[in-house]
Amino acid sequence: MIAYRIAAHAATSPRGIPRLRPGDDALSKARFEFRWHDHSTSSLDPVTARRMHDETLPAEPAKAAHFCSMCGPKFCSMRISQDVRDYAGGTASTTSRPDRGHGREGREFRSRAADLPGA
């Protein structure tokens, strides 16, 4: 039944049906803000969403973790996106810089980018 609901939702979402958008936006916003309880509540199958999150991150502090269970703390695209936004806005500390930890590859990329026309 859940696979049917997901398939139906995936087929109707691109059609721009107005009543679907608020639910999709709420789910995305809860995920981006790491509000895992709201995220599972907004999903198509809240019970399964909560169970799957608890299987991978069972400890109580994980319910407030600022990373998802799929990518983990080092590669969470939502956390990295927020770090980049903070850095661009000047609110990031030096320990949360997006280029932290990239070492030689980061320096090499930046030096090549400086040589590009228009840089």
C-alpha atoms as a PDB file:
ATOM      1  CA  MET A   1       0.000   0.000   0.000  1.00  0.00           C
ATOM      2  CA  ILE A   2       2.815   2.396   0.839  1.00  0.00           C
ATOM      3  CA  ALA A   3       4.581   1.707  -2.467  1.00  0.00           C
ATOM      4  CA  TYR A   4       1.314   2.553  -4.224  1.00  0.00           C
ATOM      5  CA  ARG A   5       0.990   5.837  -2.295  1.00  0.00           C
ATOM      6  CA  ILE A   6       4.591   6.802  -3.059  1.00  0.00           C
ATOM      7  CA  ALA A   7       4.163   5.995  -6.762  1.00  0.00           C
ATOM      8  CA  ALA A   8       0.908   7.933  -6.934  1.00  0.00           C
ATOM      9  CA  HIS A   9       2.481  10.907  -5.194  1.00  0.00           C
ATOM     10  CA  ALA A  10       5.514  10.807  -7.486  1.00  0.00           C
ATOM     11  CA  ALA A  11       3.231  10.762 -10.536  1.00  0.00           C
ATOM     12  CA  THR A  12       1.027  13.630  -9.385  1.00  0.00           C
ATOM     13  CA  SER A  13       3.687  15.943  -7.919  1.00  0.00           C
ATOM     14  CA  PRO A  14       5.030  17.182 -11.288  1.00  0.00           C
ATOM     15  CA  ARG A  15       1.515  18.103 -12.359  1.00  0.00           C
ATOM     16  CA  GLY A  16       1.506  20.995  -9.901  1.00  0.00           C
ATOM     17  CA  ILE A  17      -1.576  20.041  -7.922  1.00  0.00           C
ATOM     18  CA  PRO A  18      -1.816  22.891  -5.375  1.00  0.00           C
ATOM     19  CA  ARG A  19      -2.925  20.801  -2.392  1.00  0.00           C
ATOM     20  CA  LEU A  20       0.216  18.614  -2.584  1.00  0.00           C
ATOM     21  CA  ARG A  21       2.760  21.418  -2.389  1.00  0.00           C
ATOM     22  CA  PRO A  22       2.258  22.463   1.268  1.00  0.00           C
ATOM     23  CA  GLY A  23       2.831  18.896   2.500  1.00  0.00           C
ATOM     24  CA  ASP A  24       5.935  18.449   0.358  1.00  0.00           C
ATOM     25  CA  ASP A  25       7.291  21.808   1.504  1.00  0.00           C
ATOM     26  CA  ALA A  26       6.632  20.981   5.175  1.00  0.00           C
ATOM     27  CA  LEU A  27       8.465  17.668   4.802  1.00  0.00           C
ATOM     28  CA  SER A  28      11.448  19.316   3.096  1.00  0.00           C
ATOM     29  CA  LYS A  29      11.622  22.152   5.639  1.00  0.00           C
ATOM     30  CA  ALA A  30      11.489  19.727   8.582  1.00  0.00           C
ATOM     31  CA  ARG A  31      14.291  17.657   7.010  1.00  0.00           C
ATOM     32  CA  PHE A  32      16.455  20.716   6.315  1.00  0.00           C
ATOM     33  CA  GLU A  33      15.963  21.989   9.877  1.00  0.00           C
ATOM     34  CA  PHE A  34      16.686  18.537  11.372  1.00  0.00           C
ATOM     35  CA  ARG A  35      13.271  18.326  13.034  1.00  0.00           C
ATOM     36  CA  TRP A  36      13.057  14.549  12.768  1.00  0.00           C
ATOM     37  CA  HIS A  37       9.768  14.168  14.646  1.00  0.00           C
ATOM     38  CA  ASP A  38       8.048  16.656  12.313  1.00  0.00           C
ATOM     39  CA  HIS A  39       9.755  15.045   9.344  1.00  0.00           C
ATOM     40  CA  SER A  40       8.360  11.602  10.080  1.00  0.00           C
ATOM     41  CA  THR A  41       4.945  13.031  10.947  1.00  0.00           C
ATOM     42  CA  SER A  42       4.805  14.795   7.549  1.00  0.00           C
ATOM     43  CA  SER A  43       5.809  11.695   5.599  1.00  0.00           C
ATOM     44  CA  LEU A  44       3.452   9.448   3.644  1.00  0.00           C
ATOM     45  CA  ASP A  45       3.971   6.670   6.201  1.00  0.00           C
ATOM     46  CA  PRO A  46       4.862   8.224   9.592  1.00  0.00           C
ATOM     47  CA  VAL A  47       5.129   4.920  11.469  1.00  0.00           C
ATOM     48  CA  THR A  48       7.599   3.405   9.015  1.00  0.00           C
ATOM     49  CA  ALA A  49       9.582   6.652   8.724  1.00  0.00           C
ATOM     50  CA  ARG A  50       9.981   6.850  12.496  1.00  0.00           C
ATOM     51  CA  ARG A  51      10.868   3.138  12.734  1.00  0.00           C
ATOM     52  CA  MET A  52      13.521   3.419  10.004  1.00  0.00           C
ATOM     53  CA  HIS A  53      15.096   6.479  11.633  1.00  0.00           C
ATOM     54  CA  ASP A  54      15.148   4.703  14.996  1.00  0.00           C
ATOM     55  CA  GLU A  55      16.736   1.575  13.465  1.00  0.00           C
ATOM     56  CA  THR A  56      19.738   3.520  12.209  1.00  0.00           C
ATOM     57  CA  LEU A  57      19.957   6.090  15.027  1.00  0.00           C
ATOM     58  CA  PRO A  58      18.314   4.490  18.086  1.00  0.00           C
ATOM     59  CA  ALA A  59      19.812   6.648  20.859  1.00  0.00           C
ATOM     60  CA  GLU A  60      17.647   9.439  22.241  1.00  0.00           C
ATOM     61  CA  PRO A  61      20.158  12.215  21.356  1.00  0.00           C
ATOM     62  CA  ALA A  62      19.837  11.119  17.692  1.00  0.00           C
ATOM     63  CA  LYS A  63      16.273  12.454  17.714  1.00  0.00           C
ATOM     64  CA  ALA A  64      17.816  15.942  17.760  1.00  0.00           C
ATOM     65  CA  ALA A  65      20.882  15.169  15.619  1.00  0.00           C
ATOM     66  CA  HIS A  66      21.914  17.742  13.040  1.00  0.00           C
ATOM     67  CA  PHE A  67      22.568  15.139  10.373  1.00  0.00           C
ATOM     68  CA  CYS A  68      20.521  12.439   8.739  1.00  0.00           C
ATOM     69  CA  SER A  69      20.920   8.719   9.175  1.00  0.00           C
ATOM     70  CA  MET A  70      21.642   8.194   5.487  1.00  0.00           C
ATOM     71  CA  CYS A  71      24.821  10.267   5.092  1.00  0.00           C
ATOM     72  CA  GLY A  72      26.022  10.663   8.661  1.00  0.00           C
ATOM     73  CA  PRO A  73      27.556  13.727  10.303  1.00  0.00           C
ATOM     74  CA  LYS A  74      30.465  14.283   7.902  1.00  0.00           C
ATOM     75  CA  PHE A  75      28.580  14.086   4.599  1.00  0.00           C
ATOM     76  CA  CYS A  76      25.108  15.391   5.410  1.00  0.00           C
ATOM     77  CA  SER A  77      24.181  17.604   2.458  1.00  0.00           C
ATOM     78  CA  MET A  78      21.687  19.567   4.543  1.00  0.00           C
ATOM     79  CA  ARG A  79      24.271  20.365   7.218  1.00  0.00           C
ATOM     80  CA  ILE A  80      26.876  21.259   4.603  1.00  0.00           C
ATOM     81  CA  SER A  81      24.360  23.518   2.832  1.00  0.00           C
ATOM     82  CA  GLN A  82      23.646  25.290   6.102  1.00  0.00           C
ATOM     83  CA  ASP A  83      27.379  25.635   6.815  1.00  0.00           C
ATOM     84  CA  VAL A  84      27.857  27.220   3.382  1.00  0.00           C
ATOM     85  CA  ARG A  85      24.945  29.610   3.998  1.00  0.00           C
ATOM     86  CA  ASP A  86      26.346  30.542   7.401  1.00  0.00           C
ATOM     87  CA  TYR A  87      29.817  31.044   5.964  1.00  0.00           C
ATOM     88  CA  ALA A  88      28.503  33.184   3.092  1.00  0.00           C
ATOM     89  CA  GLY A  89      26.493  35.251   5.548  1.00  0.00           C
ATOM     90  CA  GLY A  90      29.493  35.803   7.790  1.00  0.00           C
ATOM     91  CA  THR A  91      27.988  33.974  10.787  1.00  0.00           C
ATOM     92  CA  ALA A  92      30.156  30.863  10.658  1.00  0.00           C
ATOM     93  CA  SER A  93      33.001  30.229  13.047  1.00  0.00           C
ATOM     94  CA  THR A  94      36.342  29.093  11.698  1.00  0.00           C
ATOM     95  CA  THR A  95      35.603  25.533  12.821  1.00  0.00           C
ATOM     96  CA  SER A  96      32.511  25.227  10.617  1.00  0.00           C
ATOM     97  CA  ARG A  97      34.065  26.519   7.409  1.00  0.00           C
ATOM     98  CA  PRO A  98      32.873  24.494   4.410  1.00  0.00           C
ATOM     99  CA  ASP A  99      36.420  23.974   3.114  1.00  0.00           C
ATOM    100  CA  ARG A 100      37.678  22.611   6.444  1.00  0.00           C
ATOM    101  CA  GLY A 101      39.154  19.141   6.104  1.00  0.00           C
ATOM    102  CA  HIS A 102      39.594  19.098   2.344  1.00  0.00           C
ATOM    103  CA  GLY A 103      43.311  19.628   2.676  1.00  0.00           C
ATOM    104  CA  ARG A 104      45.434  19.303  -0.448  1.00  0.00           C
ATOM    105  CA  GLU A 105      42.434  18.829  -2.784  1.00  0.00           C
ATOM    106  CA  GLY A 106      40.799  22.045  -1.587  1.00  0.00           C
ATOM    107  CA  ARG A 107      43.982  24.065  -1.984  1.00  0.00           C
ATOM    108  CA  GLU A 108      44.534  22.586  -5.452  1.00  0.00           C
ATOM    109  CA  PHE A 109      40.977  23.414  -6.531  1.00  0.00           C
ATOM    110  CA  ARG A 110      41.228  26.989  -5.261  1.00  0.00           C
ATOM    111  CA  SER A 111      44.548  27.537  -7.049  1.00  0.00           C
ATOM    112  CA  ARG A 112      43.116  26.209 -10.335  1.00  0.00           C
ATOM    113  CA  ALA A 113      39.971  28.316  -9.953  1.00  0.00           C
ATOM    114  CA  ALA A 114      42.068  31.447  -9.537  1.00  0.00           C
ATOM    115  CA  ASP A 115      43.608  30.799 -12.973  1.00  0.00           C
ATOM    116  CA  LEU A 116      40.229  30.646 -14.755  1.00  0.00           C
ATOM    117  CA  PRO A 117      39.226  33.552 -17.004  1.00  0.00           C
ATOM    118  CA  GLY A 118      37.029  36.027 -15.178  1.00  0.00           C
ATOM    119  CA  ALA A 119      38.201  34.935 -11.713  1.00  0.00           C
END
